[in-house]
Amino acid sequence: MPFYDYHCHACGKNVRIFLSYAEYDTAVATCPHCQSDQLKRRLSRITIAKSEDARMDSLLDDPSLANLDEDDPRAMGKFMRRMSQETGEDMGEEFNEVVERLEKGESPDSIEQSMPDLGNDIS
């Protein structure tokens, strides 16, 4: 949608205004709060969509991964949480429990002993 962000110099508010592409060059935007036309265009944040492969490549190329200590449960939990966030998928309650326990410093061996069916429902 062609929404544009402006800052109103008259009332000091930041506003978002809808202008069609056709009217953008000719329309005079006015502040919806004070009706002033003393608006300055603001640059908005942008979002770049990445494929799942690109997100995983970015995650695996992260310099902090080179320093990942496989023997540190907290570091492993942090990495697993980041990996989950990058995929954008709900990994399920079992995964979340493992990550939380790792982040608290519990050893993977202890977690595995207390969850003997861990990973059995993977197809």
PDB file of N, CA and C in Angstrom:
ATOM      1  N   MET A   1       0.839  -1.176   0.000  1.00  0.00           N
ATOM      2  CA  MET A   1       0.000   0.000   0.000  1.00  0.00           C
ATOM      3  C   MET A   1       0.883   1.237   0.000  1.00  0.00           C
ATOM      4  N   PRO A   2       0.532   2.239  -0.755  1.00  0.00           N
ATOM      5  CA  PRO A   2       1.353   3.447  -0.815  1.00  0.00           C
ATOM      6  C   PRO A   2       1.055   4.422   0.336  1.00  0.00           C
ATOM      7  N   PHE A   3       1.544   4.087   1.509  1.00  0.00           N
ATOM      8  CA  PHE A   3       1.463   4.992   2.646  1.00  0.00           C
ATOM      9  C   PHE A   3       2.791   5.721   2.747  1.00  0.00           C
ATOM     10  N   TYR A   4       2.741   6.974   3.088  1.00  0.00           N
ATOM     11  CA  TYR A   4       3.951   7.787   3.188  1.00  0.00           C
ATOM     12  C   TYR A   4       3.991   8.431   4.565  1.00  0.00           C
ATOM     13  N   ASP A   5       5.182   8.466   5.127  1.00  0.00           N
ATOM     14  CA  ASP A   5       5.370   9.050   6.456  1.00  0.00           C
ATOM     15  C   ASP A   5       5.877  10.481   6.319  1.00  0.00           C
ATOM     16  N   TYR A   6       5.284  11.356   7.148  1.00  0.00           N
ATOM     17  CA  TYR A   6       5.645  12.766   7.149  1.00  0.00           C
ATOM     18  C   TYR A   6       5.814  13.248   8.581  1.00  0.00           C
ATOM     19  N   HIS A   7       6.527  14.377   8.692  1.00  0.00           N
ATOM     20  CA  HIS A   7       6.608  15.087   9.971  1.00  0.00           C
ATOM     21  C   HIS A   7       5.981  16.449   9.734  1.00  0.00           C
ATOM     22  N   CYS A   8       5.025  16.811  10.583  1.00  0.00           N
ATOM     23  CA  CYS A   8       4.349  18.107  10.456  1.00  0.00           C
ATOM     24  C   CYS A   8       5.136  19.145  11.250  1.00  0.00           C
ATOM     25  N   HIS A   9       5.605  20.175  10.562  1.00  0.00           N
ATOM     26  CA  HIS A   9       6.353  21.242  11.236  1.00  0.00           C
ATOM     27  C   HIS A   9       5.435  22.159  12.046  1.00  0.00           C
ATOM     28  N   ALA A  10       4.148  22.173  11.709  1.00  0.00           N
ATOM     29  CA  ALA A  10       3.217  23.053  12.428  1.00  0.00           C
ATOM     30  C   ALA A  10       2.869  22.504  13.812  1.00  0.00           C
ATOM     31  N   CYS A  11       2.512  21.224  13.890  1.00  0.00           N
ATOM     32  CA  CYS A  11       2.094  20.657  15.182  1.00  0.00           C
ATOM     33  C   CYS A  11       3.117  19.684  15.769  1.00  0.00           C
ATOM     34  N   GLY A  12       4.148  19.342  14.988  1.00  0.00           N
ATOM     35  CA  GLY A  12       5.214  18.488  15.500  1.00  0.00           C
ATOM     36  C   GLY A  12       4.912  17.003  15.495  1.00  0.00           C
ATOM     37  N   LYS A  13       3.789  16.592  14.930  1.00  0.00           N
ATOM     38  CA  LYS A  13       3.425  15.166  14.941  1.00  0.00           C
ATOM     39  C   LYS A  13       3.963  14.461  13.701  1.00  0.00           C
ATOM     40  N   ASN A  14       4.243  13.177  13.883  1.00  0.00           N
ATOM     41  CA  ASN A  14       4.578  12.316  12.756  1.00  0.00           C
ATOM     42  C   ASN A  14       3.288  11.672  12.281  1.00  0.00           C
ATOM     43  N   VAL A  15       3.063  11.694  10.972  1.00  0.00           N
ATOM     44  CA  VAL A  15       1.810  11.179  10.424  1.00  0.00           C
ATOM     45  C   VAL A  15       2.092  10.255   9.249  1.00  0.00           C
ATOM     46  N   ARG A  16       1.155   9.373   8.992  1.00  0.00           N
ATOM     47  CA  ARG A  16       1.215   8.468   7.837  1.00  0.00           C
ATOM     48  C   ARG A  16       0.009   8.791   6.967  1.00  0.00           C
ATOM     49  N   ILE A  17       0.268   9.041   5.690  1.00  0.00           N
ATOM     50  CA  ILE A  17      -0.781   9.467   4.768  1.00  0.00           C
ATOM     51  C   ILE A  17      -0.818   8.529   3.567  1.00  0.00           C
ATOM     52  N   PHE A  18      -2.019   8.147   3.163  1.00  0.00           N
ATOM     53  CA  PHE A  18      -2.212   7.315   1.976  1.00  0.00           C
ATOM     54  C   PHE A  18      -2.316   8.218   0.759  1.00  0.00           C
ATOM     55  N   LEU A  19      -1.464   7.964  -0.227  1.00  0.00           N
ATOM     56  CA  LEU A  19      -1.554   8.645  -1.511  1.00  0.00           C
ATOM     57  C   LEU A  19      -1.383   7.581  -2.583  1.00  0.00           C
ATOM     58  N   SER A  20      -2.242   7.596  -3.588  1.00  0.00           N
ATOM     59  CA  SER A  20      -2.059   6.631  -4.672  1.00  0.00           C
ATOM     60  C   SER A  20      -0.799   7.023  -5.434  1.00  0.00           C
ATOM     61  N   TYR A  21      -0.264   6.070  -6.167  1.00  0.00           N
ATOM     62  CA  TYR A  21       0.937   6.362  -6.943  1.00  0.00           C
ATOM     63  C   TYR A  21       0.668   7.478  -7.947  1.00  0.00           C
ATOM     64  N   ALA A  22      -0.519   7.505  -8.505  1.00  0.00           N
ATOM     65  CA  ALA A  22      -0.867   8.510  -9.514  1.00  0.00           C
ATOM     66  C   ALA A  22      -0.905   9.917  -8.924  1.00  0.00           C
ATOM     67  N   GLU A  23      -1.364  10.042  -7.686  1.00  0.00           N
ATOM     68  CA  GLU A  23      -1.502  11.384  -7.113  1.00  0.00           C
ATOM     69  C   GLU A  23      -0.286  11.834  -6.306  1.00  0.00           C
ATOM     70  N   TYR A  24       0.687  10.964  -6.101  1.00  0.00           N
ATOM     71  CA  TYR A  24       1.828  11.307  -5.252  1.00  0.00           C
ATOM     72  C   TYR A  24       2.557  12.566  -5.732  1.00  0.00           C
ATOM     73  N   ASP A  25       2.780  12.688  -7.044  1.00  0.00           N
ATOM     74  CA  ASP A  25       3.537  13.830  -7.573  1.00  0.00           C
ATOM     75  C   ASP A  25       2.761  15.136  -7.534  1.00  0.00           C
ATOM     76  N   THR A  26       1.436  15.079  -7.547  1.00  0.00           N
ATOM     77  CA  THR A  26       0.651  16.312  -7.644  1.00  0.00           C
ATOM     78  C   THR A  26      -0.102  16.658  -6.369  1.00  0.00           C
ATOM     79  N   ALA A  27      -0.343  15.702  -5.501  1.00  0.00           N
ATOM     80  CA  ALA A  27      -1.152  15.954  -4.300  1.00  0.00           C
ATOM     81  C   ALA A  27      -0.375  16.806  -3.299  1.00  0.00           C
ATOM     82  N   VAL A  28      -1.115  17.624  -2.578  1.00  0.00           N
ATOM     83  CA  VAL A  28      -0.534  18.380  -1.475  1.00  0.00           C
ATOM     84  C   VAL A  28      -1.007  17.699  -0.203  1.00  0.00           C
ATOM     85  N   ALA A  29      -0.077  17.033   0.467  1.00  0.00           N
ATOM     86  CA  ALA A  29      -0.429  16.317   1.696  1.00  0.00           C
ATOM     87  C   ALA A  29      -0.684  17.318   2.812  1.00  0.00           C
ATOM     88  N   THR A  30      -1.725  17.031   3.596  1.00  0.00           N
ATOM     89  CA  THR A  30      -2.021  17.891   4.744  1.00  0.00           C
ATOM     90  C   THR A  30      -2.071  17.048   6.009  1.00  0.00           C
ATOM     91  N   CYS A  31      -1.695  17.650   7.101  1.00  0.00           N
ATOM     92  CA  CYS A  31      -1.664  16.965   8.389  1.00  0.00           C
ATOM     93  C   CYS A  31      -3.092  16.673   8.847  1.00  0.00           C
ATOM     94  N   PRO A  32      -3.378  15.425   9.208  1.00  0.00           N
ATOM     95  CA  PRO A  32      -4.726  15.097   9.668  1.00  0.00           C
ATOM     96  C   PRO A  32      -5.034  15.683  11.053  1.00  0.00           C
ATOM     97  N   HIS A  33      -4.021  16.151  11.768  1.00  0.00           N
ATOM     98  CA  HIS A  33      -4.244  16.709  13.112  1.00  0.00           C
ATOM     99  C   HIS A  33      -4.531  18.205  13.069  1.00  0.00           C
ATOM    100  N   CYS A  34      -3.750  18.941  12.262  1.00  0.00           N
ATOM    101  CA  CYS A  34      -3.910  20.402  12.277  1.00  0.00           C
ATOM    102  C   CYS A  34      -4.208  20.986  10.897  1.00  0.00           C
ATOM    103  N   GLN A  35      -4.312  20.138   9.883  1.00  0.00           N
ATOM    104  CA  GLN A  35      -4.608  20.513   8.503  1.00  0.00           C
ATOM    105  C   GLN A  35      -3.520  21.393   7.856  1.00  0.00           C
ATOM    106  N   SER A  36      -2.353  21.459   8.443  1.00  0.00           N
ATOM    107  CA  SER A  36      -1.248  22.214   7.864  1.00  0.00           C
ATOM    108  C   SER A  36      -0.670  21.460   6.673  1.00  0.00           C
ATOM    109  N   ASP A  37      -0.125  22.217   5.719  1.00  0.00           N
ATOM    110  CA  ASP A  37       0.561  21.574   4.600  1.00  0.00           C
ATOM    111  C   ASP A  37       2.083  21.676   4.757  1.00  0.00           C
ATOM    112  N   GLN A  38       2.525  22.008   5.971  1.00  0.00           N
ATOM    113  CA  GLN A  38       3.957  22.124   6.260  1.00  0.00           C
ATOM    114  C   GLN A  38       4.525  20.757   6.668  1.00  0.00           C
ATOM    115  N   LEU A  39       4.449  19.820   5.741  1.00  0.00           N
ATOM    116  CA  LEU A  39       4.896  18.461   6.007  1.00  0.00           C
ATOM    117  C   LEU A  39       6.222  18.187   5.309  1.00  0.00           C
ATOM    118  N   LYS A  40       7.052  17.438   5.989  1.00  0.00           N
ATOM    119  CA  LYS A  40       8.319  16.999   5.396  1.00  0.00           C
ATOM    120  C   LYS A  40       8.302  15.480   5.345  1.00  0.00           C
ATOM    121  N   ARG A  41       8.620  14.936   4.188  1.00  0.00           N
ATOM    122  CA  ARG A  41       8.606  13.485   3.995  1.00  0.00           C
ATOM    123  C   ARG A  41       9.694  12.839   4.836  1.00  0.00           C
ATOM    124  N   ARG A  42       9.335  11.757   5.516  1.00  0.00           N
ATOM    125  CA  ARG A  42      10.279  10.976   6.324  1.00  0.00           C
ATOM    126  C   ARG A  42      10.538   9.659   5.620  1.00  0.00           C
ATOM    127  N   LEU A  43      11.741   9.170   5.748  1.00  0.00           N
ATOM    128  CA  LEU A  43      12.040   7.848   5.201  1.00  0.00           C
ATOM    129  C   LEU A  43      11.597   6.802   6.199  1.00  0.00           C
ATOM    130  N   SER A  44      10.890   5.825   5.706  1.00  0.00           N
ATOM    131  CA  SER A  44      10.388   4.745   6.556  1.00  0.00           C
ATOM    132  C   SER A  44      11.378   3.604   6.581  1.00  0.00           C
ATOM    133  N   ARG A  45      11.242   2.756   7.580  1.00  0.00           N
ATOM    134  CA  ARG A  45      12.028   1.532   7.600  1.00  0.00           C
ATOM    135  C   ARG A  45      11.542   0.634   6.484  1.00  0.00           C
ATOM    136  N   ILE A  46      12.443  -0.179   5.997  1.00  0.00           N
ATOM    137  CA  ILE A  46      12.051  -1.137   4.979  1.00  0.00           C
ATOM    138  C   ILE A  46      12.314  -2.542   5.503  1.00  0.00           C
ATOM    139  N   THR A  47      11.616  -3.479   4.942  1.00  0.00           N
ATOM    140  CA  THR A  47      11.812  -4.878   5.282  1.00  0.00           C
ATOM    141  C   THR A  47      12.181  -5.610   4.009  1.00  0.00           C
ATOM    142  N   ILE A  48      13.226  -6.410   4.100  1.00  0.00           N
ATOM    143  CA  ILE A  48      13.645  -7.187   2.950  1.00  0.00           C
ATOM    144  C   ILE A  48      13.285  -8.640   3.217  1.00  0.00           C
ATOM    145  N   ALA A  49      12.477  -9.184   2.350  1.00  0.00           N
ATOM    146  CA  ALA A  49      12.082 -10.583   2.502  1.00  0.00           C
ATOM    147  C   ALA A  49      13.232 -11.475   2.049  1.00  0.00           C
ATOM    148  N   LYS A  50      13.519 -12.472   2.857  1.00  0.00           N
ATOM    149  CA  LYS A  50      14.570 -13.433   2.519  1.00  0.00           C
ATOM    150  C   LYS A  50      13.954 -14.813   2.422  1.00  0.00           C
ATOM    151  N   SER A  51      14.516 -15.613   1.562  1.00  0.00           N
ATOM    152  CA  SER A  51      14.075 -16.999   1.478  1.00  0.00           C
ATOM    153  C   SER A  51      14.578 -17.740   2.713  1.00  0.00           C
ATOM    154  N   GLU A  52      14.023 -18.911   2.965  1.00  0.00           N
ATOM    155  CA  GLU A  52      14.471 -19.709   4.106  1.00  0.00           C
ATOM    156  C   GLU A  52      15.948 -20.059   3.958  1.00  0.00           C
ATOM    157  N   ASP A  53      16.364 -20.378   2.750  1.00  0.00           N
ATOM    158  CA  ASP A  53      17.776 -20.701   2.514  1.00  0.00           C
ATOM    159  C   ASP A  53      18.667 -19.502   2.834  1.00  0.00           C
ATOM    160  N   ALA A  54      18.252 -18.308   2.415  1.00  0.00           N
ATOM    161  CA  ALA A  54      19.043 -17.108   2.671  1.00  0.00           C
ATOM    162  C   ALA A  54      19.122 -16.818   4.168  1.00  0.00           C
ATOM    163  N   ARG A  55      18.010 -17.034   4.891  1.00  0.00           N
ATOM    164  CA  ARG A  55      18.026 -16.809   6.353  1.00  0.00           C
ATOM    165  C   ARG A  55      18.969 -17.781   7.029  1.00  0.00           C
ATOM    166  N   MET A  56      18.935 -19.049   6.619  1.00  0.00           N
ATOM    167  CA  MET A  56      19.824 -20.055   7.221  1.00  0.00           C
ATOM    168  C   MET A  56      21.285 -19.770   6.876  1.00  0.00           C
ATOM    169  N   ASP A  57      21.551 -19.364   5.618  1.00  0.00           N
ATOM    170  CA  ASP A  57      22.918 -19.015   5.237  1.00  0.00           C
ATOM    171  C   ASP A  57      23.423 -17.853   6.071  1.00  0.00           C
ATOM    172  N   SER A  58      22.567 -16.856   6.267  1.00  0.00           N
ATOM    173  CA  SER A  58      22.938 -15.696   7.082  1.00  0.00           C
ATOM    174  C   SER A  58      23.241 -16.106   8.517  1.00  0.00           C
ATOM    175  N   LEU A  59      22.430 -16.986   9.047  1.00  0.00           N
ATOM    176  CA  LEU A  59      22.624 -17.461  10.414  1.00  0.00           C
ATOM    177  C   LEU A  59      23.926 -18.243  10.530  1.00  0.00           C
ATOM    178  N   LEU A  60      24.182 -19.106   9.558  1.00  0.00           N
ATOM    179  CA  LEU A  60      25.387 -19.936   9.612  1.00  0.00           C
ATOM    180  C   LEU A  60      26.661 -19.150   9.306  1.00  0.00           C
ATOM    181  N   ASP A  61      26.533 -18.003   8.617  1.00  0.00           N
ATOM    182  CA  ASP A  61      27.688 -17.156   8.327  1.00  0.00           C
ATOM    183  C   ASP A  61      27.965 -16.154   9.442  1.00  0.00           C
ATOM    184  N   ASP A  62      27.144 -16.150  10.475  1.00  0.00           N
ATOM    185  CA  ASP A  62      27.299 -15.211  11.574  1.00  0.00           C
ATOM    186  C   ASP A  62      28.650 -15.446  12.261  1.00  0.00           C
ATOM    187  N   PRO A  63      29.468 -14.398  12.417  1.00  0.00           N
ATOM    188  CA  PRO A  63      30.782 -14.562  13.046  1.00  0.00           C
ATOM    189  C   PRO A  63      30.705 -15.106  14.475  1.00  0.00           C
ATOM    190  N   SER A  64      29.608 -14.838  15.172  1.00  0.00           N
ATOM    191  CA  SER A  64      29.492 -15.337  16.545  1.00  0.00           C
ATOM    192  C   SER A  64      29.375 -16.861  16.570  1.00  0.00           C
ATOM    193  N   LEU A  65      28.973 -17.461  15.462  1.00  0.00           N
ATOM    194  CA  LEU A  65      28.867 -18.907  15.390  1.00  0.00           C
ATOM    195  C   LEU A  65      30.249 -19.559  15.467  1.00  0.00           C
ATOM    196  N   ALA A  66      31.263 -18.868  14.956  1.00  0.00           N
ATOM    197  CA  ALA A  66      32.623 -19.406  14.997  1.00  0.00           C
ATOM    198  C   ALA A  66      33.102 -19.580  16.438  1.00  0.00           C
ATOM    199  N   ASN A  67      32.570 -18.759  17.338  1.00  0.00           N
ATOM    200  CA  ASN A  67      32.968 -18.825  18.747  1.00  0.00           C
ATOM    201  C   ASN A  67      31.990 -19.629  19.590  1.00  0.00           C
ATOM    202  N   LEU A  68      31.050 -20.324  18.952  1.00  0.00           N
ATOM    203  CA  LEU A  68      30.044 -21.081  19.690  1.00  0.00           C
ATOM    204  C   LEU A  68      30.708 -22.233  20.436  1.00  0.00           C
ATOM    205  N   ASP A  69      30.523 -22.258  21.725  1.00  0.00           N
ATOM    206  CA  ASP A  69      31.092 -23.315  22.568  1.00  0.00           C
ATOM    207  C   ASP A  69      30.065 -24.419  22.704  1.00  0.00           C
ATOM    208  N   GLU A  70      30.300 -25.534  22.050  1.00  0.00           N
ATOM    209  CA  GLU A  70      29.359 -26.654  22.068  1.00  0.00           C
ATOM    210  C   GLU A  70      29.192 -27.242  23.463  1.00  0.00           C
ATOM    211  N   ASP A  71      30.144 -26.975  24.337  1.00  0.00           N
ATOM    212  CA  ASP A  71      30.072 -27.498  25.703  1.00  0.00           C
ATOM    213  C   ASP A  71      29.358 -26.548  26.655  1.00  0.00           C
ATOM    214  N   ASP A  72      28.913 -25.391  26.146  1.00  0.00           N
ATOM    215  CA  ASP A  72      28.207 -24.409  26.973  1.00  0.00           C
ATOM    216  C   ASP A  72      26.711 -24.495  26.666  1.00  0.00           C
ATOM    217  N   PRO A  73      25.925 -25.083  27.599  1.00  0.00           N
ATOM    218  CA  PRO A  73      24.482 -25.235  27.328  1.00  0.00           C
ATOM    219  C   PRO A  73      23.788 -23.909  27.062  1.00  0.00           C
ATOM    220  N   ARG A  74      24.199 -22.849  27.763  1.00  0.00           N
ATOM    221  CA  ARG A  74      23.554 -21.540  27.547  1.00  0.00           C
ATOM    222  C   ARG A  74      23.780 -21.039  26.117  1.00  0.00           C
ATOM    223  N   ALA A  75      24.998 -21.195  25.629  1.00  0.00           N
ATOM    224  CA  ALA A  75      25.312 -20.773  24.261  1.00  0.00           C
ATOM    225  C   ALA A  75      24.525 -21.600  23.251  1.00  0.00           C
ATOM    226  N   MET A  76      24.413 -22.895  23.495  1.00  0.00           N
ATOM    227  CA  MET A  76      23.658 -23.755  22.581  1.00  0.00           C
ATOM    228  C   MET A  76      22.170 -23.382  22.594  1.00  0.00           C
ATOM    229  N   GLY A  77      21.639 -23.119  23.787  1.00  0.00           N
ATOM    230  CA  GLY A  77      20.236 -22.708  23.887  1.00  0.00           C
ATOM    231  C   GLY A  77      19.981 -21.407  23.154  1.00  0.00           C
ATOM    232  N   LYS A  78      20.905 -20.455  23.301  1.00  0.00           N
ATOM    233  CA  LYS A  78      20.777 -19.162  22.626  1.00  0.00           C
ATOM    234  C   LYS A  78      20.800 -19.352  21.111  1.00  0.00           C
ATOM    235  N   PHE A  79      21.723 -20.197  20.628  1.00  0.00           N
ATOM    236  CA  PHE A  79      21.802 -20.461  19.199  1.00  0.00           C
ATOM    237  C   PHE A  79      20.527 -21.134  18.691  1.00  0.00           C
ATOM    238  N   MET A  80      20.030 -22.115  19.438  1.00  0.00           N
ATOM    239  CA  MET A  80      18.810 -22.814  19.016  1.00  0.00           C
ATOM    240  C   MET A  80      17.617 -21.867  18.964  1.00  0.00           C
ATOM    241  N   ARG A  81      17.524 -20.949  19.928  1.00  0.00           N
ATOM    242  CA  ARG A  81      16.428 -19.973  19.926  1.00  0.00           C
ATOM    243  C   ARG A  81      16.530 -19.072  18.700  1.00  0.00           C
ATOM    244  N   ARG A  82      17.755 -18.610  18.398  1.00  0.00           N
ATOM    245  CA  ARG A  82      17.953 -17.761  17.221  1.00  0.00           C
ATOM    246  C   ARG A  82      17.592 -18.493  15.941  1.00  0.00           C
ATOM    247  N   MET A  83      17.991 -19.748  15.849  1.00  0.00           N
ATOM    248  CA  MET A  83      17.678 -20.558  14.677  1.00  0.00           C
ATOM    249  C   MET A  83      16.157 -20.691  14.518  1.00  0.00           C
ATOM    250  N   SER A  84      15.466 -20.905  15.619  1.00  0.00           N
ATOM    251  CA  SER A  84      14.012 -21.021  15.595  1.00  0.00           C
ATOM    252  C   SER A  84      13.369 -19.713  15.134  1.00  0.00           C
ATOM    253  N   GLN A  85      13.879 -18.588  15.624  1.00  0.00           N
ATOM    254  CA  GLN A  85      13.332 -17.289  15.231  1.00  0.00           C
ATOM    255  C   GLN A  85      13.573 -17.017  13.750  1.00  0.00           C
ATOM    256  N   GLU A  86      14.733 -17.429  13.242  1.00  0.00           N
ATOM    257  CA  GLU A  86      15.038 -17.228  11.826  1.00  0.00           C
ATOM    258  C   GLU A  86      14.092 -18.010  10.930  1.00  0.00           C
ATOM    259  N   THR A  87      13.714 -19.209  11.341  1.00  0.00           N
ATOM    260  CA  THR A  87      12.820 -20.002  10.498  1.00  0.00           C
ATOM    261  C   THR A  87      11.397 -19.465  10.555  1.00  0.00           C
ATOM    262  N   GLY A  88      11.054 -18.804  11.669  1.00  0.00           N
ATOM    263  CA  GLY A  88       9.707 -18.271  11.815  1.00  0.00           C
ATOM    264  C   GLY A  88       8.657 -19.333  12.069  1.00  0.00           C
ATOM    265  N   GLU A  89       9.106 -20.539  12.357  1.00  0.00           N
ATOM    266  CA  GLU A  89       8.162 -21.636  12.588  1.00  0.00           C
ATOM    267  C   GLU A  89       8.064 -21.946  14.071  1.00  0.00           C
ATOM    268  N   ASP A  90       6.886 -22.395  14.485  1.00  0.00           N
ATOM    269  CA  ASP A  90       6.714 -22.864  15.855  1.00  0.00           C
ATOM    270  C   ASP A  90       7.307 -24.259  15.937  1.00  0.00           C
ATOM    271  N   MET A  91       8.350 -24.411  16.735  1.00  0.00           N
ATOM    272  CA  MET A  91       9.058 -25.684  16.818  1.00  0.00           C
ATOM    273  C   MET A  91       8.421 -26.637  17.830  1.00  0.00           C
ATOM    274  N   GLY A  92       7.397 -26.180  18.517  1.00  0.00           N
ATOM    275  CA  GLY A  92       6.682 -27.050  19.440  1.00  0.00           C
ATOM    276  C   GLY A  92       7.145 -26.900  20.879  1.00  0.00           C
ATOM    277  N   GLU A  93       6.309 -27.416  21.769  1.00  0.00           N
ATOM    278  CA  GLU A  93       6.558 -27.294  23.206  1.00  0.00           C
ATOM    279  C   GLU A  93       7.826 -28.023  23.643  1.00  0.00           C
ATOM    280  N   GLU A  94       8.066 -29.196  23.071  1.00  0.00           N
ATOM    281  CA  GLU A  94       9.245 -29.978  23.456  1.00  0.00           C
ATOM    282  C   GLU A  94      10.522 -29.193  23.142  1.00  0.00           C
ATOM    283  N   PHE A  95      10.583 -28.610  21.959  1.00  0.00           N
ATOM    284  CA  PHE A  95      11.741 -27.809  21.559  1.00  0.00           C
ATOM    285  C   PHE A  95      11.911 -26.628  22.504  1.00  0.00           C
ATOM    286  N   ASN A  96      10.800 -25.913  22.771  1.00  0.00           N
ATOM    287  CA  ASN A  96      10.858 -24.751  23.658  1.00  0.00           C
ATOM    288  C   ASN A  96      11.342 -25.131  25.056  1.00  0.00           C
ATOM    289  N   GLU A  97      10.899 -26.266  25.551  1.00  0.00           N
ATOM    290  CA  GLU A  97      11.340 -26.712  26.874  1.00  0.00           C
ATOM    291  C   GLU A  97      12.844 -26.990  26.882  1.00  0.00           C
ATOM    292  N   VAL A  98      13.331 -27.664  25.851  1.00  0.00           N
ATOM    293  CA  VAL A  98      14.762 -27.962  25.764  1.00  0.00           C
ATOM    294  C   VAL A  98      15.567 -26.666  25.717  1.00  0.00           C
ATOM    295  N   VAL A  99      15.147 -25.721  24.890  1.00  0.00           N
ATOM    296  CA  VAL A  99      15.864 -24.452  24.759  1.00  0.00           C
ATOM    297  C   VAL A  99      15.881 -23.708  26.091  1.00  0.00           C
ATOM    298  N   GLU A 100      14.730 -23.634  26.759  1.00  0.00           N
ATOM    299  CA  GLU A 100      14.664 -22.942  28.052  1.00  0.00           C
ATOM    300  C   GLU A 100      15.591 -23.591  29.072  1.00  0.00           C
ATOM    301  N   ARG A 101      15.623 -24.897  29.096  1.00  0.00           N
ATOM    302  CA  ARG A 101      16.473 -25.601  30.057  1.00  0.00           C
ATOM    303  C   ARG A 101      17.951 -25.397  29.724  1.00  0.00           C
ATOM    304  N   LEU A 102      18.288 -25.399  28.441  1.00  0.00           N
ATOM    305  CA  LEU A 102      19.671 -25.115  28.050  1.00  0.00           C
ATOM    306  C   LEU A 102      20.070 -23.702  28.443  1.00  0.00           C
ATOM    307  N   GLU A 103      19.166 -22.747  28.194  1.00  0.00           N
ATOM    308  CA  GLU A 103      19.457 -21.348  28.522  1.00  0.00           C
ATOM    309  C   GLU A 103      19.663 -21.145  30.027  1.00  0.00           C
ATOM    310  N   LYS A 104      19.075 -22.012  30.833  1.00  0.00           N
ATOM    311  CA  LYS A 104      19.280 -21.940  32.287  1.00  0.00           C
ATOM    312  C   LYS A 104      20.567 -22.645  32.711  1.00  0.00           C
ATOM    313  N   GLY A 105      21.246 -23.294  31.743  1.00  0.00           N
ATOM    314  CA  GLY A 105      22.519 -23.919  32.033  1.00  0.00           C
ATOM    315  C   GLY A 105      22.460 -25.413  32.285  1.00  0.00           C
ATOM    316  N   GLU A 106      21.297 -26.020  32.104  1.00  0.00           N
ATOM    317  CA  GLU A 106      21.184 -27.464  32.328  1.00  0.00           C
ATOM    318  C   GLU A 106      21.911 -28.222  31.222  1.00  0.00           C
ATOM    319  N   SER A 107      22.575 -29.290  31.579  1.00  0.00           N
ATOM    320  CA  SER A 107      23.361 -30.045  30.598  1.00  0.00           C
ATOM    321  C   SER A 107      22.446 -30.805  29.640  1.00  0.00           C
ATOM    322  N   PRO A 108      22.885 -30.957  28.384  1.00  0.00           N
ATOM    323  CA  PRO A 108      22.101 -31.736  27.423  1.00  0.00           C
ATOM    324  C   PRO A 108      21.872 -33.173  27.893  1.00  0.00           C
ATOM    325  N   ASP A 109      22.874 -33.771  28.570  1.00  0.00           N
ATOM    326  CA  ASP A 109      22.716 -35.140  29.066  1.00  0.00           C
ATOM    327  C   ASP A 109      21.582 -35.232  30.080  1.00  0.00           C
ATOM    328  N   SER A 110      21.520 -34.251  30.977  1.00  0.00           N
ATOM    329  CA  SER A 110      20.461 -34.224  31.992  1.00  0.00           C
ATOM    330  C   SER A 110      19.090 -34.074  31.336  1.00  0.00           C
ATOM    331  N   ILE A 111      19.009 -33.220  30.338  1.00  0.00           N
ATOM    332  CA  ILE A 111      17.743 -33.007  29.633  1.00  0.00           C
ATOM    333  C   ILE A 111      17.326 -34.298  28.922  1.00  0.00           C
ATOM    334  N   GLU A 112      18.283 -34.927  28.263  1.00  0.00           N
ATOM    335  CA  GLU A 112      17.984 -36.164  27.544  1.00  0.00           C
ATOM    336  C   GLU A 112      17.519 -37.270  28.493  1.00  0.00           C
ATOM    337  N   GLN A 113      18.125 -37.364  29.684  1.00  0.00           N
ATOM    338  CA  GLN A 113      17.720 -38.384  30.653  1.00  0.00           C
ATOM    339  C   GLN A 113      16.318 -38.133  31.153  1.00  0.00           C
ATOM    340  N   SER A 114      15.935 -36.875  31.353  1.00  0.00           N
ATOM    341  CA  SER A 114      14.617 -36.570  31.879  1.00  0.00           C
ATOM    342  C   SER A 114      13.533 -36.579  30.806  1.00  0.00           C
ATOM    343  N   MET A 115      13.950 -36.596  29.532  1.00  0.00           N
ATOM    344  CA  MET A 115      12.994 -36.617  28.418  1.00  0.00           C
ATOM    345  C   MET A 115      13.376 -37.773  27.488  1.00  0.00           C
ATOM    346  N   PRO A 116      13.149 -39.022  27.903  1.00  0.00           N
ATOM    347  CA  PRO A 116      13.607 -40.173  27.131  1.00  0.00           C
ATOM    348  C   PRO A 116      12.982 -40.270  25.733  1.00  0.00           C
ATOM    349  N   ASP A 117      11.812 -39.703  25.531  1.00  0.00           N
ATOM    350  CA  ASP A 117      11.170 -39.776  24.223  1.00  0.00           C
ATOM    351  C   ASP A 117      11.498 -38.582  23.351  1.00  0.00           C
ATOM    352  N   LEU A 118      12.516 -37.813  23.727  1.00  0.00           N
ATOM    353  CA  LEU A 118      12.895 -36.605  23.017  1.00  0.00           C
ATOM    354  C   LEU A 118      13.166 -36.904  21.540  1.00  0.00           C
ATOM    355  N   GLY A 119      12.424 -36.239  20.663  1.00  0.00           N
ATOM    356  CA  GLY A 119      12.628 -36.379  19.232  1.00  0.00           C
ATOM    357  C   GLY A 119      12.011 -37.610  18.600  1.00  0.00           C
ATOM    358  N   ASN A 120      11.275 -38.406  19.347  1.00  0.00           N
ATOM    359  CA  ASN A 120      10.690 -39.622  18.776  1.00  0.00           C
ATOM    360  C   ASN A 120       9.572 -39.355  17.791  1.00  0.00           C
ATOM    361  N   ASP A 121       8.934 -38.200  17.896  1.00  0.00           N
ATOM    362  CA  ASP A 121       7.799 -37.936  16.997  1.00  0.00           C
ATOM    363  C   ASP A 121       8.216 -37.156  15.747  1.00  0.00           C
ATOM    364  N   ILE A 122       9.515 -37.159  15.425  1.00  0.00           N
ATOM    365  CA  ILE A 122       9.973 -36.522  14.197  1.00  0.00           C
ATOM    366  C   ILE A 122       9.724 -37.461  13.035  1.00  0.00           C
ATOM    367  N   SER A 123       9.087 -36.936  11.983  1.00  0.00           N
ATOM    368  CA  SER A 123       8.816 -37.798  10.834  1.00  0.00           C
ATOM    369  C   SER A 123       9.655 -37.439   9.642  1.00  0.00           C
TER     370      SER A 123
END
